[in-house]
Protein backbone atom coordinates (compact mmCIF):
# COMPACT_ATOMS: atom_id res chain seq x y z
CA UNK A 1 0.08 0.02 -0.35
CA UNK A 2 0.85 3.59 -0.47
CA UNK A 3 1.05 5.69 2.52
CA UNK A 4 -1.84 7.89 1.62
CA UNK A 5 -3.87 4.49 0.87
CA UNK A 6 -2.65 3.36 3.95
CA UNK A 7 -4.01 6.29 6.25
CA UNK A 8 -7.11 6.43 3.74
CA UNK A 9 -7.96 3.29 5.17
CA UNK A 10 -7.22 3.80 8.60
CA UNK A 11 -9.22 6.97 9.08
CA UNK A 12 -11.96 5.44 7.47
CA UNK A 13 -11.92 2.58 9.88
CA UNK A 14 -10.73 0.22 7.70
CA UNK A 15 -7.58 -2.53 8.17
CA UNK A 16 -4.52 -1.74 6.21
CA UNK A 17 -1.54 -3.75 5.72
CA UNK A 18 0.11 -2.38 9.03
CA UNK A 19 -0.55 0.71 11.47
CA UNK A 20 0.50 3.90 9.59
CA UNK A 21 3.67 5.99 10.91
CA UNK A 22 3.81 9.50 11.56
CA UNK A 23 5.23 12.13 13.61
CA UNK A 24 4.12 15.30 12.53
CA UNK A 25 6.28 17.81 14.53
CA UNK A 26 10.09 17.78 15.48
CA UNK A 27 11.74 20.55 17.60
CA UNK A 28 14.26 22.10 15.96
CA UNK A 29 16.39 21.50 18.72
CA UNK A 30 15.88 17.79 18.10
CA UNK A 31 16.75 17.54 14.84
CA UNK A 32 20.02 19.46 16.21
CA UNK A 33 21.05 16.81 18.69
CA UNK A 34 19.84 14.09 15.81
CA UNK A 35 22.60 15.25 12.95
CA UNK A 36 25.33 14.72 15.95
CA UNK A 37 23.92 11.83 16.36
CA UNK A 38 23.89 10.34 12.87
CA UNK A 39 20.89 12.00 11.04
CA UNK A 40 22.30 12.83 7.79
CA UNK A 41 22.17 16.72 6.59
CA UNK A 42 19.74 17.85 4.31
CA UNK A 43 17.50 14.99 5.71
CA UNK A 44 14.52 15.35 7.52
CA UNK A 45 13.54 12.83 10.42
CA UNK A 46 10.36 11.44 8.84
CA UNK A 47 11.89 10.99 5.36
CA UNK A 48 15.00 9.20 7.09
CA UNK A 49 12.73 6.46 8.87
CA UNK A 50 10.46 6.16 6.12
CA UNK A 51 7.18 7.80 7.94
CA UNK A 52 3.84 8.05 6.49
CA UNK A 53 4.01 11.82 5.34
CA UNK A 54 0.70 13.83 6.16
CA UNK A 55 0.69 17.28 5.34
CA UNK A 56 -1.80 20.08 5.85
CA UNK A 57 -3.49 23.01 4.39
CA UNK A 58 -5.10 26.01 5.78
CA UNK A 59 -6.46 29.17 4.91
CA UNK A 60 -6.23 32.29 7.33
CA UNK A 61 -9.46 32.66 9.61
CA UNK A 62 -8.45 35.68 11.66
CA UNK A 63 -10.56 39.03 11.46
CA UNK A 64 -8.22 40.85 9.28
CA UNK A 65 -7.94 43.68 11.59
CA UNK A 66 -4.78 46.14 10.70
CA UNK A 67 -1.70 45.16 12.90
CA UNK A 68 0.10 47.27 14.94
CA UNK A 69 2.78 48.03 17.58
CA UNK A 70 1.90 49.57 20.55
CA UNK A 71 4.49 49.49 22.87
CA UNK A 72 8.15 48.64 22.12
CA UNK A 73 11.64 49.03 23.82
CA UNK A 74 14.87 47.27 23.61
CA UNK A 75 13.55 44.20 25.49
CA UNK A 76 10.14 43.41 24.28
CA UNK A 77 7.25 44.72 22.38
CA UNK A 78 3.51 44.82 22.72
CA UNK A 79 1.90 44.30 19.41
CA UNK A 80 -1.47 44.22 18.20
CA UNK A 81 -2.73 40.94 15.68
CA UNK A 82 -5.00 40.74 12.74
CA UNK A 83 -7.89 39.35 15.51
CA UNK A 84 -7.70 42.13 18.25
CA UNK A 85 -5.56 41.06 20.74
CA UNK A 86 -2.76 42.57 22.27
CA UNK A 87 0.16 40.50 22.92
CA UNK A 88 3.56 41.24 24.64
CA UNK A 89 6.74 39.43 23.27
CA UNK A 90 10.54 39.47 24.37
CA UNK A 91 12.70 40.39 21.55
CA UNK A 92 15.09 37.64 20.11
CA UNK A 93 18.25 39.24 20.92
CA UNK A 94 16.88 40.64 24.22
CA UNK A 95 18.62 37.70 26.01
CA UNK A 96 15.39 37.03 28.03
CA UNK A 97 12.69 34.35 27.33
CA UNK A 98 9.23 33.71 28.03
CA UNK A 99 6.44 32.40 26.04
CA UNK A 100 4.19 35.17 23.86
CA UNK A 101 1.69 36.42 26.95
CA UNK A 102 -1.91 37.94 25.69
CA UNK A 103 -2.26 41.47 27.56
CA UNK A 104 -5.78 42.36 26.07
CA UNK A 105 -8.28 41.70 23.54
CA UNK A 106 -10.57 43.76 21.59
CA UNK A 107 -13.98 41.53 21.38
CA UNK A 108 -15.49 41.19 25.32
CA UNK A 109 -19.21 42.30 24.91
CA UNK A 110 -21.94 42.00 22.17
CA UNK A 111 -21.10 45.64 20.75
CA UNK A 112 -17.54 45.17 20.35
CA UNK A 113 -18.25 41.78 18.32
CA UNK A 114 -21.31 42.92 16.33
CA UNK A 115 -18.58 45.87 14.89
CA UNK A 116 -16.34 43.12 13.61
CA UNK A 117 -18.16 40.06 12.98
CA UNK A 118 -19.18 40.79 9.43
CA UNK A 119 -15.34 40.66 8.84
CA UNK A 120 -15.47 36.96 8.40
CA UNK A 121 -16.32 36.46 5.36
CA UNK A 122 -15.12 34.14 2.42
CA UNK A 123 -12.64 35.63 0.39
CA UNK A 124 -9.91 34.28 -2.66
CA UNK A 125 -7.21 36.10 -0.81
CA UNK A 126 -7.13 34.23 2.66
CA UNK A 127 -5.22 31.64 0.65
CA UNK A 128 -1.82 32.55 -0.78
CA UNK A 129 -0.83 31.22 -4.44
CA UNK A 130 2.17 29.61 -2.35
CA UNK A 131 -0.09 27.46 -0.84
CA UNK A 132 -2.06 26.63 -3.73
CA UNK A 133 1.54 25.64 -5.25
CA UNK A 134 2.55 23.78 -2.12
CA UNK A 135 -0.69 21.95 -2.75
CA UNK A 136 0.23 20.81 -6.17
CA UNK A 137 3.30 19.20 -5.39
CA UNK A 138 1.86 17.34 -2.57
CA UNK A 139 -0.51 16.03 -4.87
CA UNK A 140 2.04 15.13 -7.05
CA UNK A 141 4.14 13.08 -4.85
CA UNK A 142 0.72 11.42 -3.72
CA UNK A 143 0.81 12.90 0.08
CA UNK A 144 -1.79 12.40 2.21
CA UNK A 145 -3.49 16.08 2.99
CA UNK A 146 -5.71 16.83 5.62
CA UNK A 147 -7.59 20.35 5.10
CA UNK A 148 -7.04 21.95 8.65
CA UNK A 149 -9.04 25.17 9.39
CA UNK A 150 -9.47 26.62 12.82
CA UNK A 151 -11.81 25.19 15.21
CA UNK A 152 -14.59 27.48 16.25
CA UNK A 153 -14.46 27.07 19.66
CA UNK A 154 -10.70 27.33 19.47
CA UNK A 155 -11.03 30.69 17.41
CA UNK A 156 -13.16 32.06 20.49
CA UNK A 157 -11.45 31.25 23.49
CA UNK A 158 -7.98 31.38 22.04
CA UNK A 159 -7.77 33.52 19.05
CA UNK A 160 -10.74 36.03 19.74
CA UNK A 161 -10.54 36.58 23.49
CA UNK A 162 -7.74 34.71 25.28
CA UNK A 163 -8.96 32.02 27.73
CA UNK A 164 -9.05 34.97 30.63
CA UNK A 165 -11.83 36.34 28.90
CA UNK A 166 -12.99 33.82 26.88
CA UNK A 167 -13.76 30.61 29.17
CA UNK A 168 -15.63 32.76 31.71
CA UNK A 169 -17.98 34.13 28.71
CA UNK A 170 -19.17 30.87 27.69
CA UNK A 171 -21.13 30.70 31.35
CA UNK A 172 -21.64 34.44 32.14
CA UNK A 173 -22.58 35.48 28.05
CA UNK A 174 -23.61 31.88 26.27
CA UNK A 175 -25.71 33.43 23.46
CA UNK A 176 -22.78 35.93 22.79
CA UNK A 177 -20.21 32.99 22.58
CA UNK A 178 -23.04 30.86 20.33
CA UNK A 179 -23.09 33.81 17.87
CA UNK A 180 -19.30 34.04 17.84
CA UNK A 181 -18.97 29.96 17.48
CA UNK A 182 -21.94 29.69 14.80
CA UNK A 183 -20.69 32.25 12.94
CA UNK A 184 -17.06 31.47 12.35
CA UNK A 185 -18.30 27.80 11.61
CA UNK A 186 -20.48 29.54 8.73
CA UNK A 187 -17.35 31.24 7.51
CA UNK A 188 -15.36 28.18 7.63
CA UNK A 189 -18.05 25.93 5.90
CA UNK A 190 -17.93 28.88 3.24
CA UNK A 191 -13.97 28.71 2.76
CA UNK A 192 -13.96 24.66 2.81
CA UNK A 193 -16.55 24.58 0.24
CA UNK A 194 -14.98 27.35 -1.46
CA UNK A 195 -11.65 25.22 -1.83
CA UNK A 196 -13.55 22.14 -2.88
CA UNK A 197 -15.65 23.87 -5.76
CA UNK A 198 -11.75 25.19 -6.68
CA UNK A 199 -10.90 21.61 -7.35
CA UNK A 200 -9.12 20.70 -4.44
CA UNK A 201 -9.26 17.47 -2.94
CA UNK A 202 -8.64 16.43 0.49
CA UNK A 203 -7.88 13.29 2.29
CA UNK A 204 -9.87 14.64 5.79
CA UNK A 205 -10.49 17.52 7.44
CA UNK A 206 -8.47 17.84 10.67
CA UNK A 207 -9.12 20.37 13.57
CA UNK A 208 -6.47 21.80 16.37
CA UNK A 209 -7.77 22.50 19.04
CA UNK A 210 -7.04 22.02 22.96
CA UNK A 211 -10.06 21.84 24.39
CA UNK A 212 -8.56 19.99 27.57
CA UNK A 213 -5.76 20.48 29.88
CA UNK A 214 -4.03 17.96 31.83
CA UNK A 215 -7.16 17.68 34.36
CA UNK A 216 -9.92 17.52 31.42
CA UNK A 217 -11.85 19.85 29.92
CA UNK A 218 -11.58 23.03 29.80
CA UNK A 219 -15.58 23.28 29.97
CA UNK A 220 -18.33 21.21 31.24
CA UNK A 221 -19.74 18.47 28.82
CA UNK A 222 -23.20 20.66 29.06
CA UNK A 223 -21.62 23.48 27.69
CA UNK A 224 -20.10 21.22 25.04
CA UNK A 225 -23.38 20.07 24.20
CA UNK A 226 -25.00 22.90 23.94
CA UNK A 227 -22.71 25.10 21.94
CA UNK A 228 -19.93 23.12 20.24
CA UNK A 229 -21.67 20.02 19.54
CA UNK A 230 -23.88 21.65 16.94
CA UNK A 231 -21.25 23.48 15.00
CA UNK A 232 -19.19 20.20 15.30
CA UNK A 233 -22.22 18.02 13.96
CA UNK A 234 -22.26 20.58 10.82
CA UNK A 235 -18.78 19.81 10.34
CA UNK A 236 -19.66 16.04 10.51
CA UNK A 237 -22.20 16.50 7.90
CA UNK A 238 -19.90 18.49 5.24
CA UNK A 239 -17.34 15.97 5.94
CA UNK A 240 -19.72 13.06 5.01
CA UNK A 241 -20.91 14.50 2.26
CA UNK A 242 -17.36 14.84 0.90
CA UNK A 243 -16.23 11.55 2.33
CA UNK A 244 -13.86 13.16 4.44
CA UNK A 245 -12.82 11.65 7.75
CA UNK A 246 -13.09 14.24 10.49
CA UNK A 247 -10.11 14.48 12.91
CA UNK A 248 -9.28 16.23 16.30
CA UNK A 249 -6.07 17.08 17.56
CA UNK A 250 -6.36 18.21 21.62
CA UNK A 251 -3.94 18.05 23.92
CA UNK A 252 -4.71 17.53 27.50
CA UNK A 253 -7.08 14.81 29.39
CA UNK A 254 -9.34 14.02 26.88
CA UNK A 255 -11.17 11.02 28.58
CA UNK A 256 -14.36 13.15 29.37
CA UNK A 257 -14.56 14.43 26.20
CA UNK A 258 -13.97 11.38 23.93
CA UNK A 259 -17.49 10.30 24.28
CA UNK A 260 -19.01 13.52 23.43
CA UNK A 261 -16.69 13.23 20.25
CA UNK A 262 -17.78 9.81 19.37
CA UNK A 263 -21.27 11.15 19.86
CA UNK A 264 -21.13 13.43 16.90
CA UNK A 265 -18.79 11.23 14.37
CA UNK A 266 -15.19 12.23 15.00
CA UNK A 267 -13.07 9.67 13.23
CA UNK A 268 -9.96 10.12 15.06
CA UNK A 269 -8.57 11.63 18.16
CA UNK A 270 -4.93 12.70 18.29
CA UNK A 271 -2.06 13.05 20.21
CA UNK A 272 -3.44 11.07 23.24
CA UNK A 273 -0.81 12.84 25.85
CA UNK A 274 0.21 9.69 27.87
CA UNK A 275 1.51 12.01 30.99
CA UNK A 276 -2.51 13.34 31.22
CA UNK A 277 -3.85 10.17 32.12
CA UNK A 278 -4.44 8.93 28.67
CA UNK A 279 -3.72 5.13 27.93
CA UNK A 280 -4.57 3.88 24.69
CA UNK A 281 -4.69 0.25 26.00
CA UNK A 282 -7.84 1.30 28.22
CA UNK A 283 -9.11 3.39 25.57
CA UNK A 284 -9.14 0.89 23.16
CA UNK A 285 -11.19 -1.53 25.57
CA UNK A 286 -14.00 0.98 26.15
CA UNK A 287 -14.40 2.08 23.08
CA UNK A 288 -13.15 -0.26 20.52
CA UNK A 289 -13.57 0.64 17.14
CA UNK A 290 -15.38 3.62 17.60
CA UNK A 291 -12.90 5.90 16.54
CA UNK A 292 -9.49 5.98 15.28
CA UNK A 293 -6.66 6.27 18.16
CA UNK A 294 -3.64 8.59 17.04
CA UNK A 295 -0.80 8.76 19.10
CA UNK A 296 -0.03 8.05 22.82
CA UNK A 297 3.42 6.43 22.96
CA UNK A 298 4.89 8.66 25.93
CA UNK A 299 7.76 10.92 25.06
CA UNK A 300 8.74 10.80 28.44
CA UNK A 301 9.46 6.95 28.44
CA UNK A 302 10.86 7.32 25.18
CA UNK A 303 13.61 10.08 26.92
CA UNK A 304 14.04 8.46 30.38
CA UNK A 305 12.88 4.85 30.22
CA UNK A 306 14.97 1.91 30.24
CA UNK A 307 15.16 -0.32 27.08
CA UNK A 308 12.39 -2.86 28.84
CA UNK A 309 10.32 0.07 29.31
CA UNK A 310 10.35 1.39 26.52
CA UNK A 311 9.86 -1.76 24.74
CA UNK A 312 6.87 -2.63 27.03
CA UNK A 313 5.90 1.10 25.75
CA UNK A 314 5.80 0.37 22.66
CA UNK A 315 4.82 -3.30 22.17
CA UNK A 316 1.64 -3.32 24.45
CA UNK A 317 0.28 0.08 23.36
CA UNK A 318 0.67 -1.35 19.71
CA UNK A 319 -0.57 -4.60 20.01
CA UNK A 320 -3.95 -3.25 22.00
CA UNK A 321 -4.52 -0.56 19.86
CA UNK A 322 -4.37 -2.25 16.35
CA UNK A 323 -6.67 -4.77 17.18
CA UNK A 324 -9.41 -4.75 14.66
CA UNK A 325 -8.04 -1.88 13.02
CA UNK A 326 -8.13 1.68 14.12
CA UNK A 327 -4.56 3.14 15.43
CA UNK A 328 -2.09 5.37 13.74
CA UNK A 329 1.26 5.73 15.21
CA UNK A 330 2.50 8.89 16.81
CA UNK A 331 4.45 10.05 19.82
CA UNK A 332 2.02 11.71 22.49
CA UNK A 333 2.98 15.11 21.55
CA UNK A 334 5.92 16.84 19.55
CA UNK A 335 9.08 14.63 19.39
CA UNK A 336 11.34 16.25 21.98
CA UNK A 337 15.09 16.94 21.89
CA UNK A 338 15.53 14.49 25.26
CA UNK A 339 15.01 11.43 23.05
CA UNK A 340 18.14 9.83 21.53
CA UNK A 341 18.33 9.33 17.53
CA UNK A 342 18.93 5.94 18.79
CA UNK A 343 16.20 5.61 21.16
CA UNK A 344 13.88 6.99 18.34
CA UNK A 345 15.15 4.58 15.92
CA UNK A 346 14.34 1.59 18.41
CA UNK A 347 11.10 2.63 19.13
CA UNK A 348 10.01 2.88 15.53
CA UNK A 349 11.40 -0.23 15.03
CA UNK A 350 9.24 -1.59 17.46
CA UNK A 351 5.98 -0.41 15.41
CA UNK A 352 7.05 -1.93 12.98
CA UNK A 353 7.54 -5.19 14.51
CA UNK A 354 4.30 -5.32 15.89
CA UNK A 355 2.41 -3.35 13.89
CA UNK A 356 1.92 -5.40 10.94
CA UNK A 357 -1.70 -6.90 9.93
CA UNK A 358 -1.51 -10.70 9.08
């Protein structure tokens, strides 16, 4: 089988020749380390190890507000981005580092939202010509391509308002939150259909939305059912009409979210962070092939475990998760520089050894 057909069949709940294998993100420091340990110059890790390539295609889904620098000195700057959020970031040459911090957001009330919501319109300019050229090159190589728009709830709580203002809005102003989520879904579905009508063919629709954290969901299951499920159901309906599986990337402990996703019809969940309590051996026993499990190989074990612990981690999870189909290998997040090249190679060898179907 080709990599693309292997991924397609698995995500359509079939059984391929073997478990598909892909890692979608390596830290730059990881690649730097591996170059000193034998990874050839100019060769990407996924190519070196013969993983199944998986690419994403997106479009600009922001409000398109003018960007401007609000404050600046020799150490940091505060700028306002295209969604009206003010962010403080350290300058690269400052000698200091911290993650960018949201200072304020533009949209907190109905009045502020009404002023900007009509900016979410379907517009060909939201896709750069370079993105189309990259799509053409990927298609020539028969690469699996997932259409990856911004998920509507993630747009609200991360891109538009930030957690500090967005999460309280779900309880204090649910109708405002509903309007934001629904209008963003309308816009996103319009852009997705525009791309399909233009002739682009995708293999899946893949949301990246960290709706959970280490202790569970960021909001209640009831909130999900009332505000998020209706828009997710619309995307599932659109995917079904175009024969596309629906995937979700969600960090954190997803165990409370999983049955809700299965109700809607999500086809896969990734990356199943092991350090947050997710264990594919238990999840497979509980949910069977109701959803494809994508990931869960612990980066912590690969980095710090003994050889026996690595073998047990990979072997037991692959054997449990592949039963009846419905598993894709992926580390439980991105690949950190704490994992050696030799240890990573051993883990992949174990996946190949135990991931084949007779």
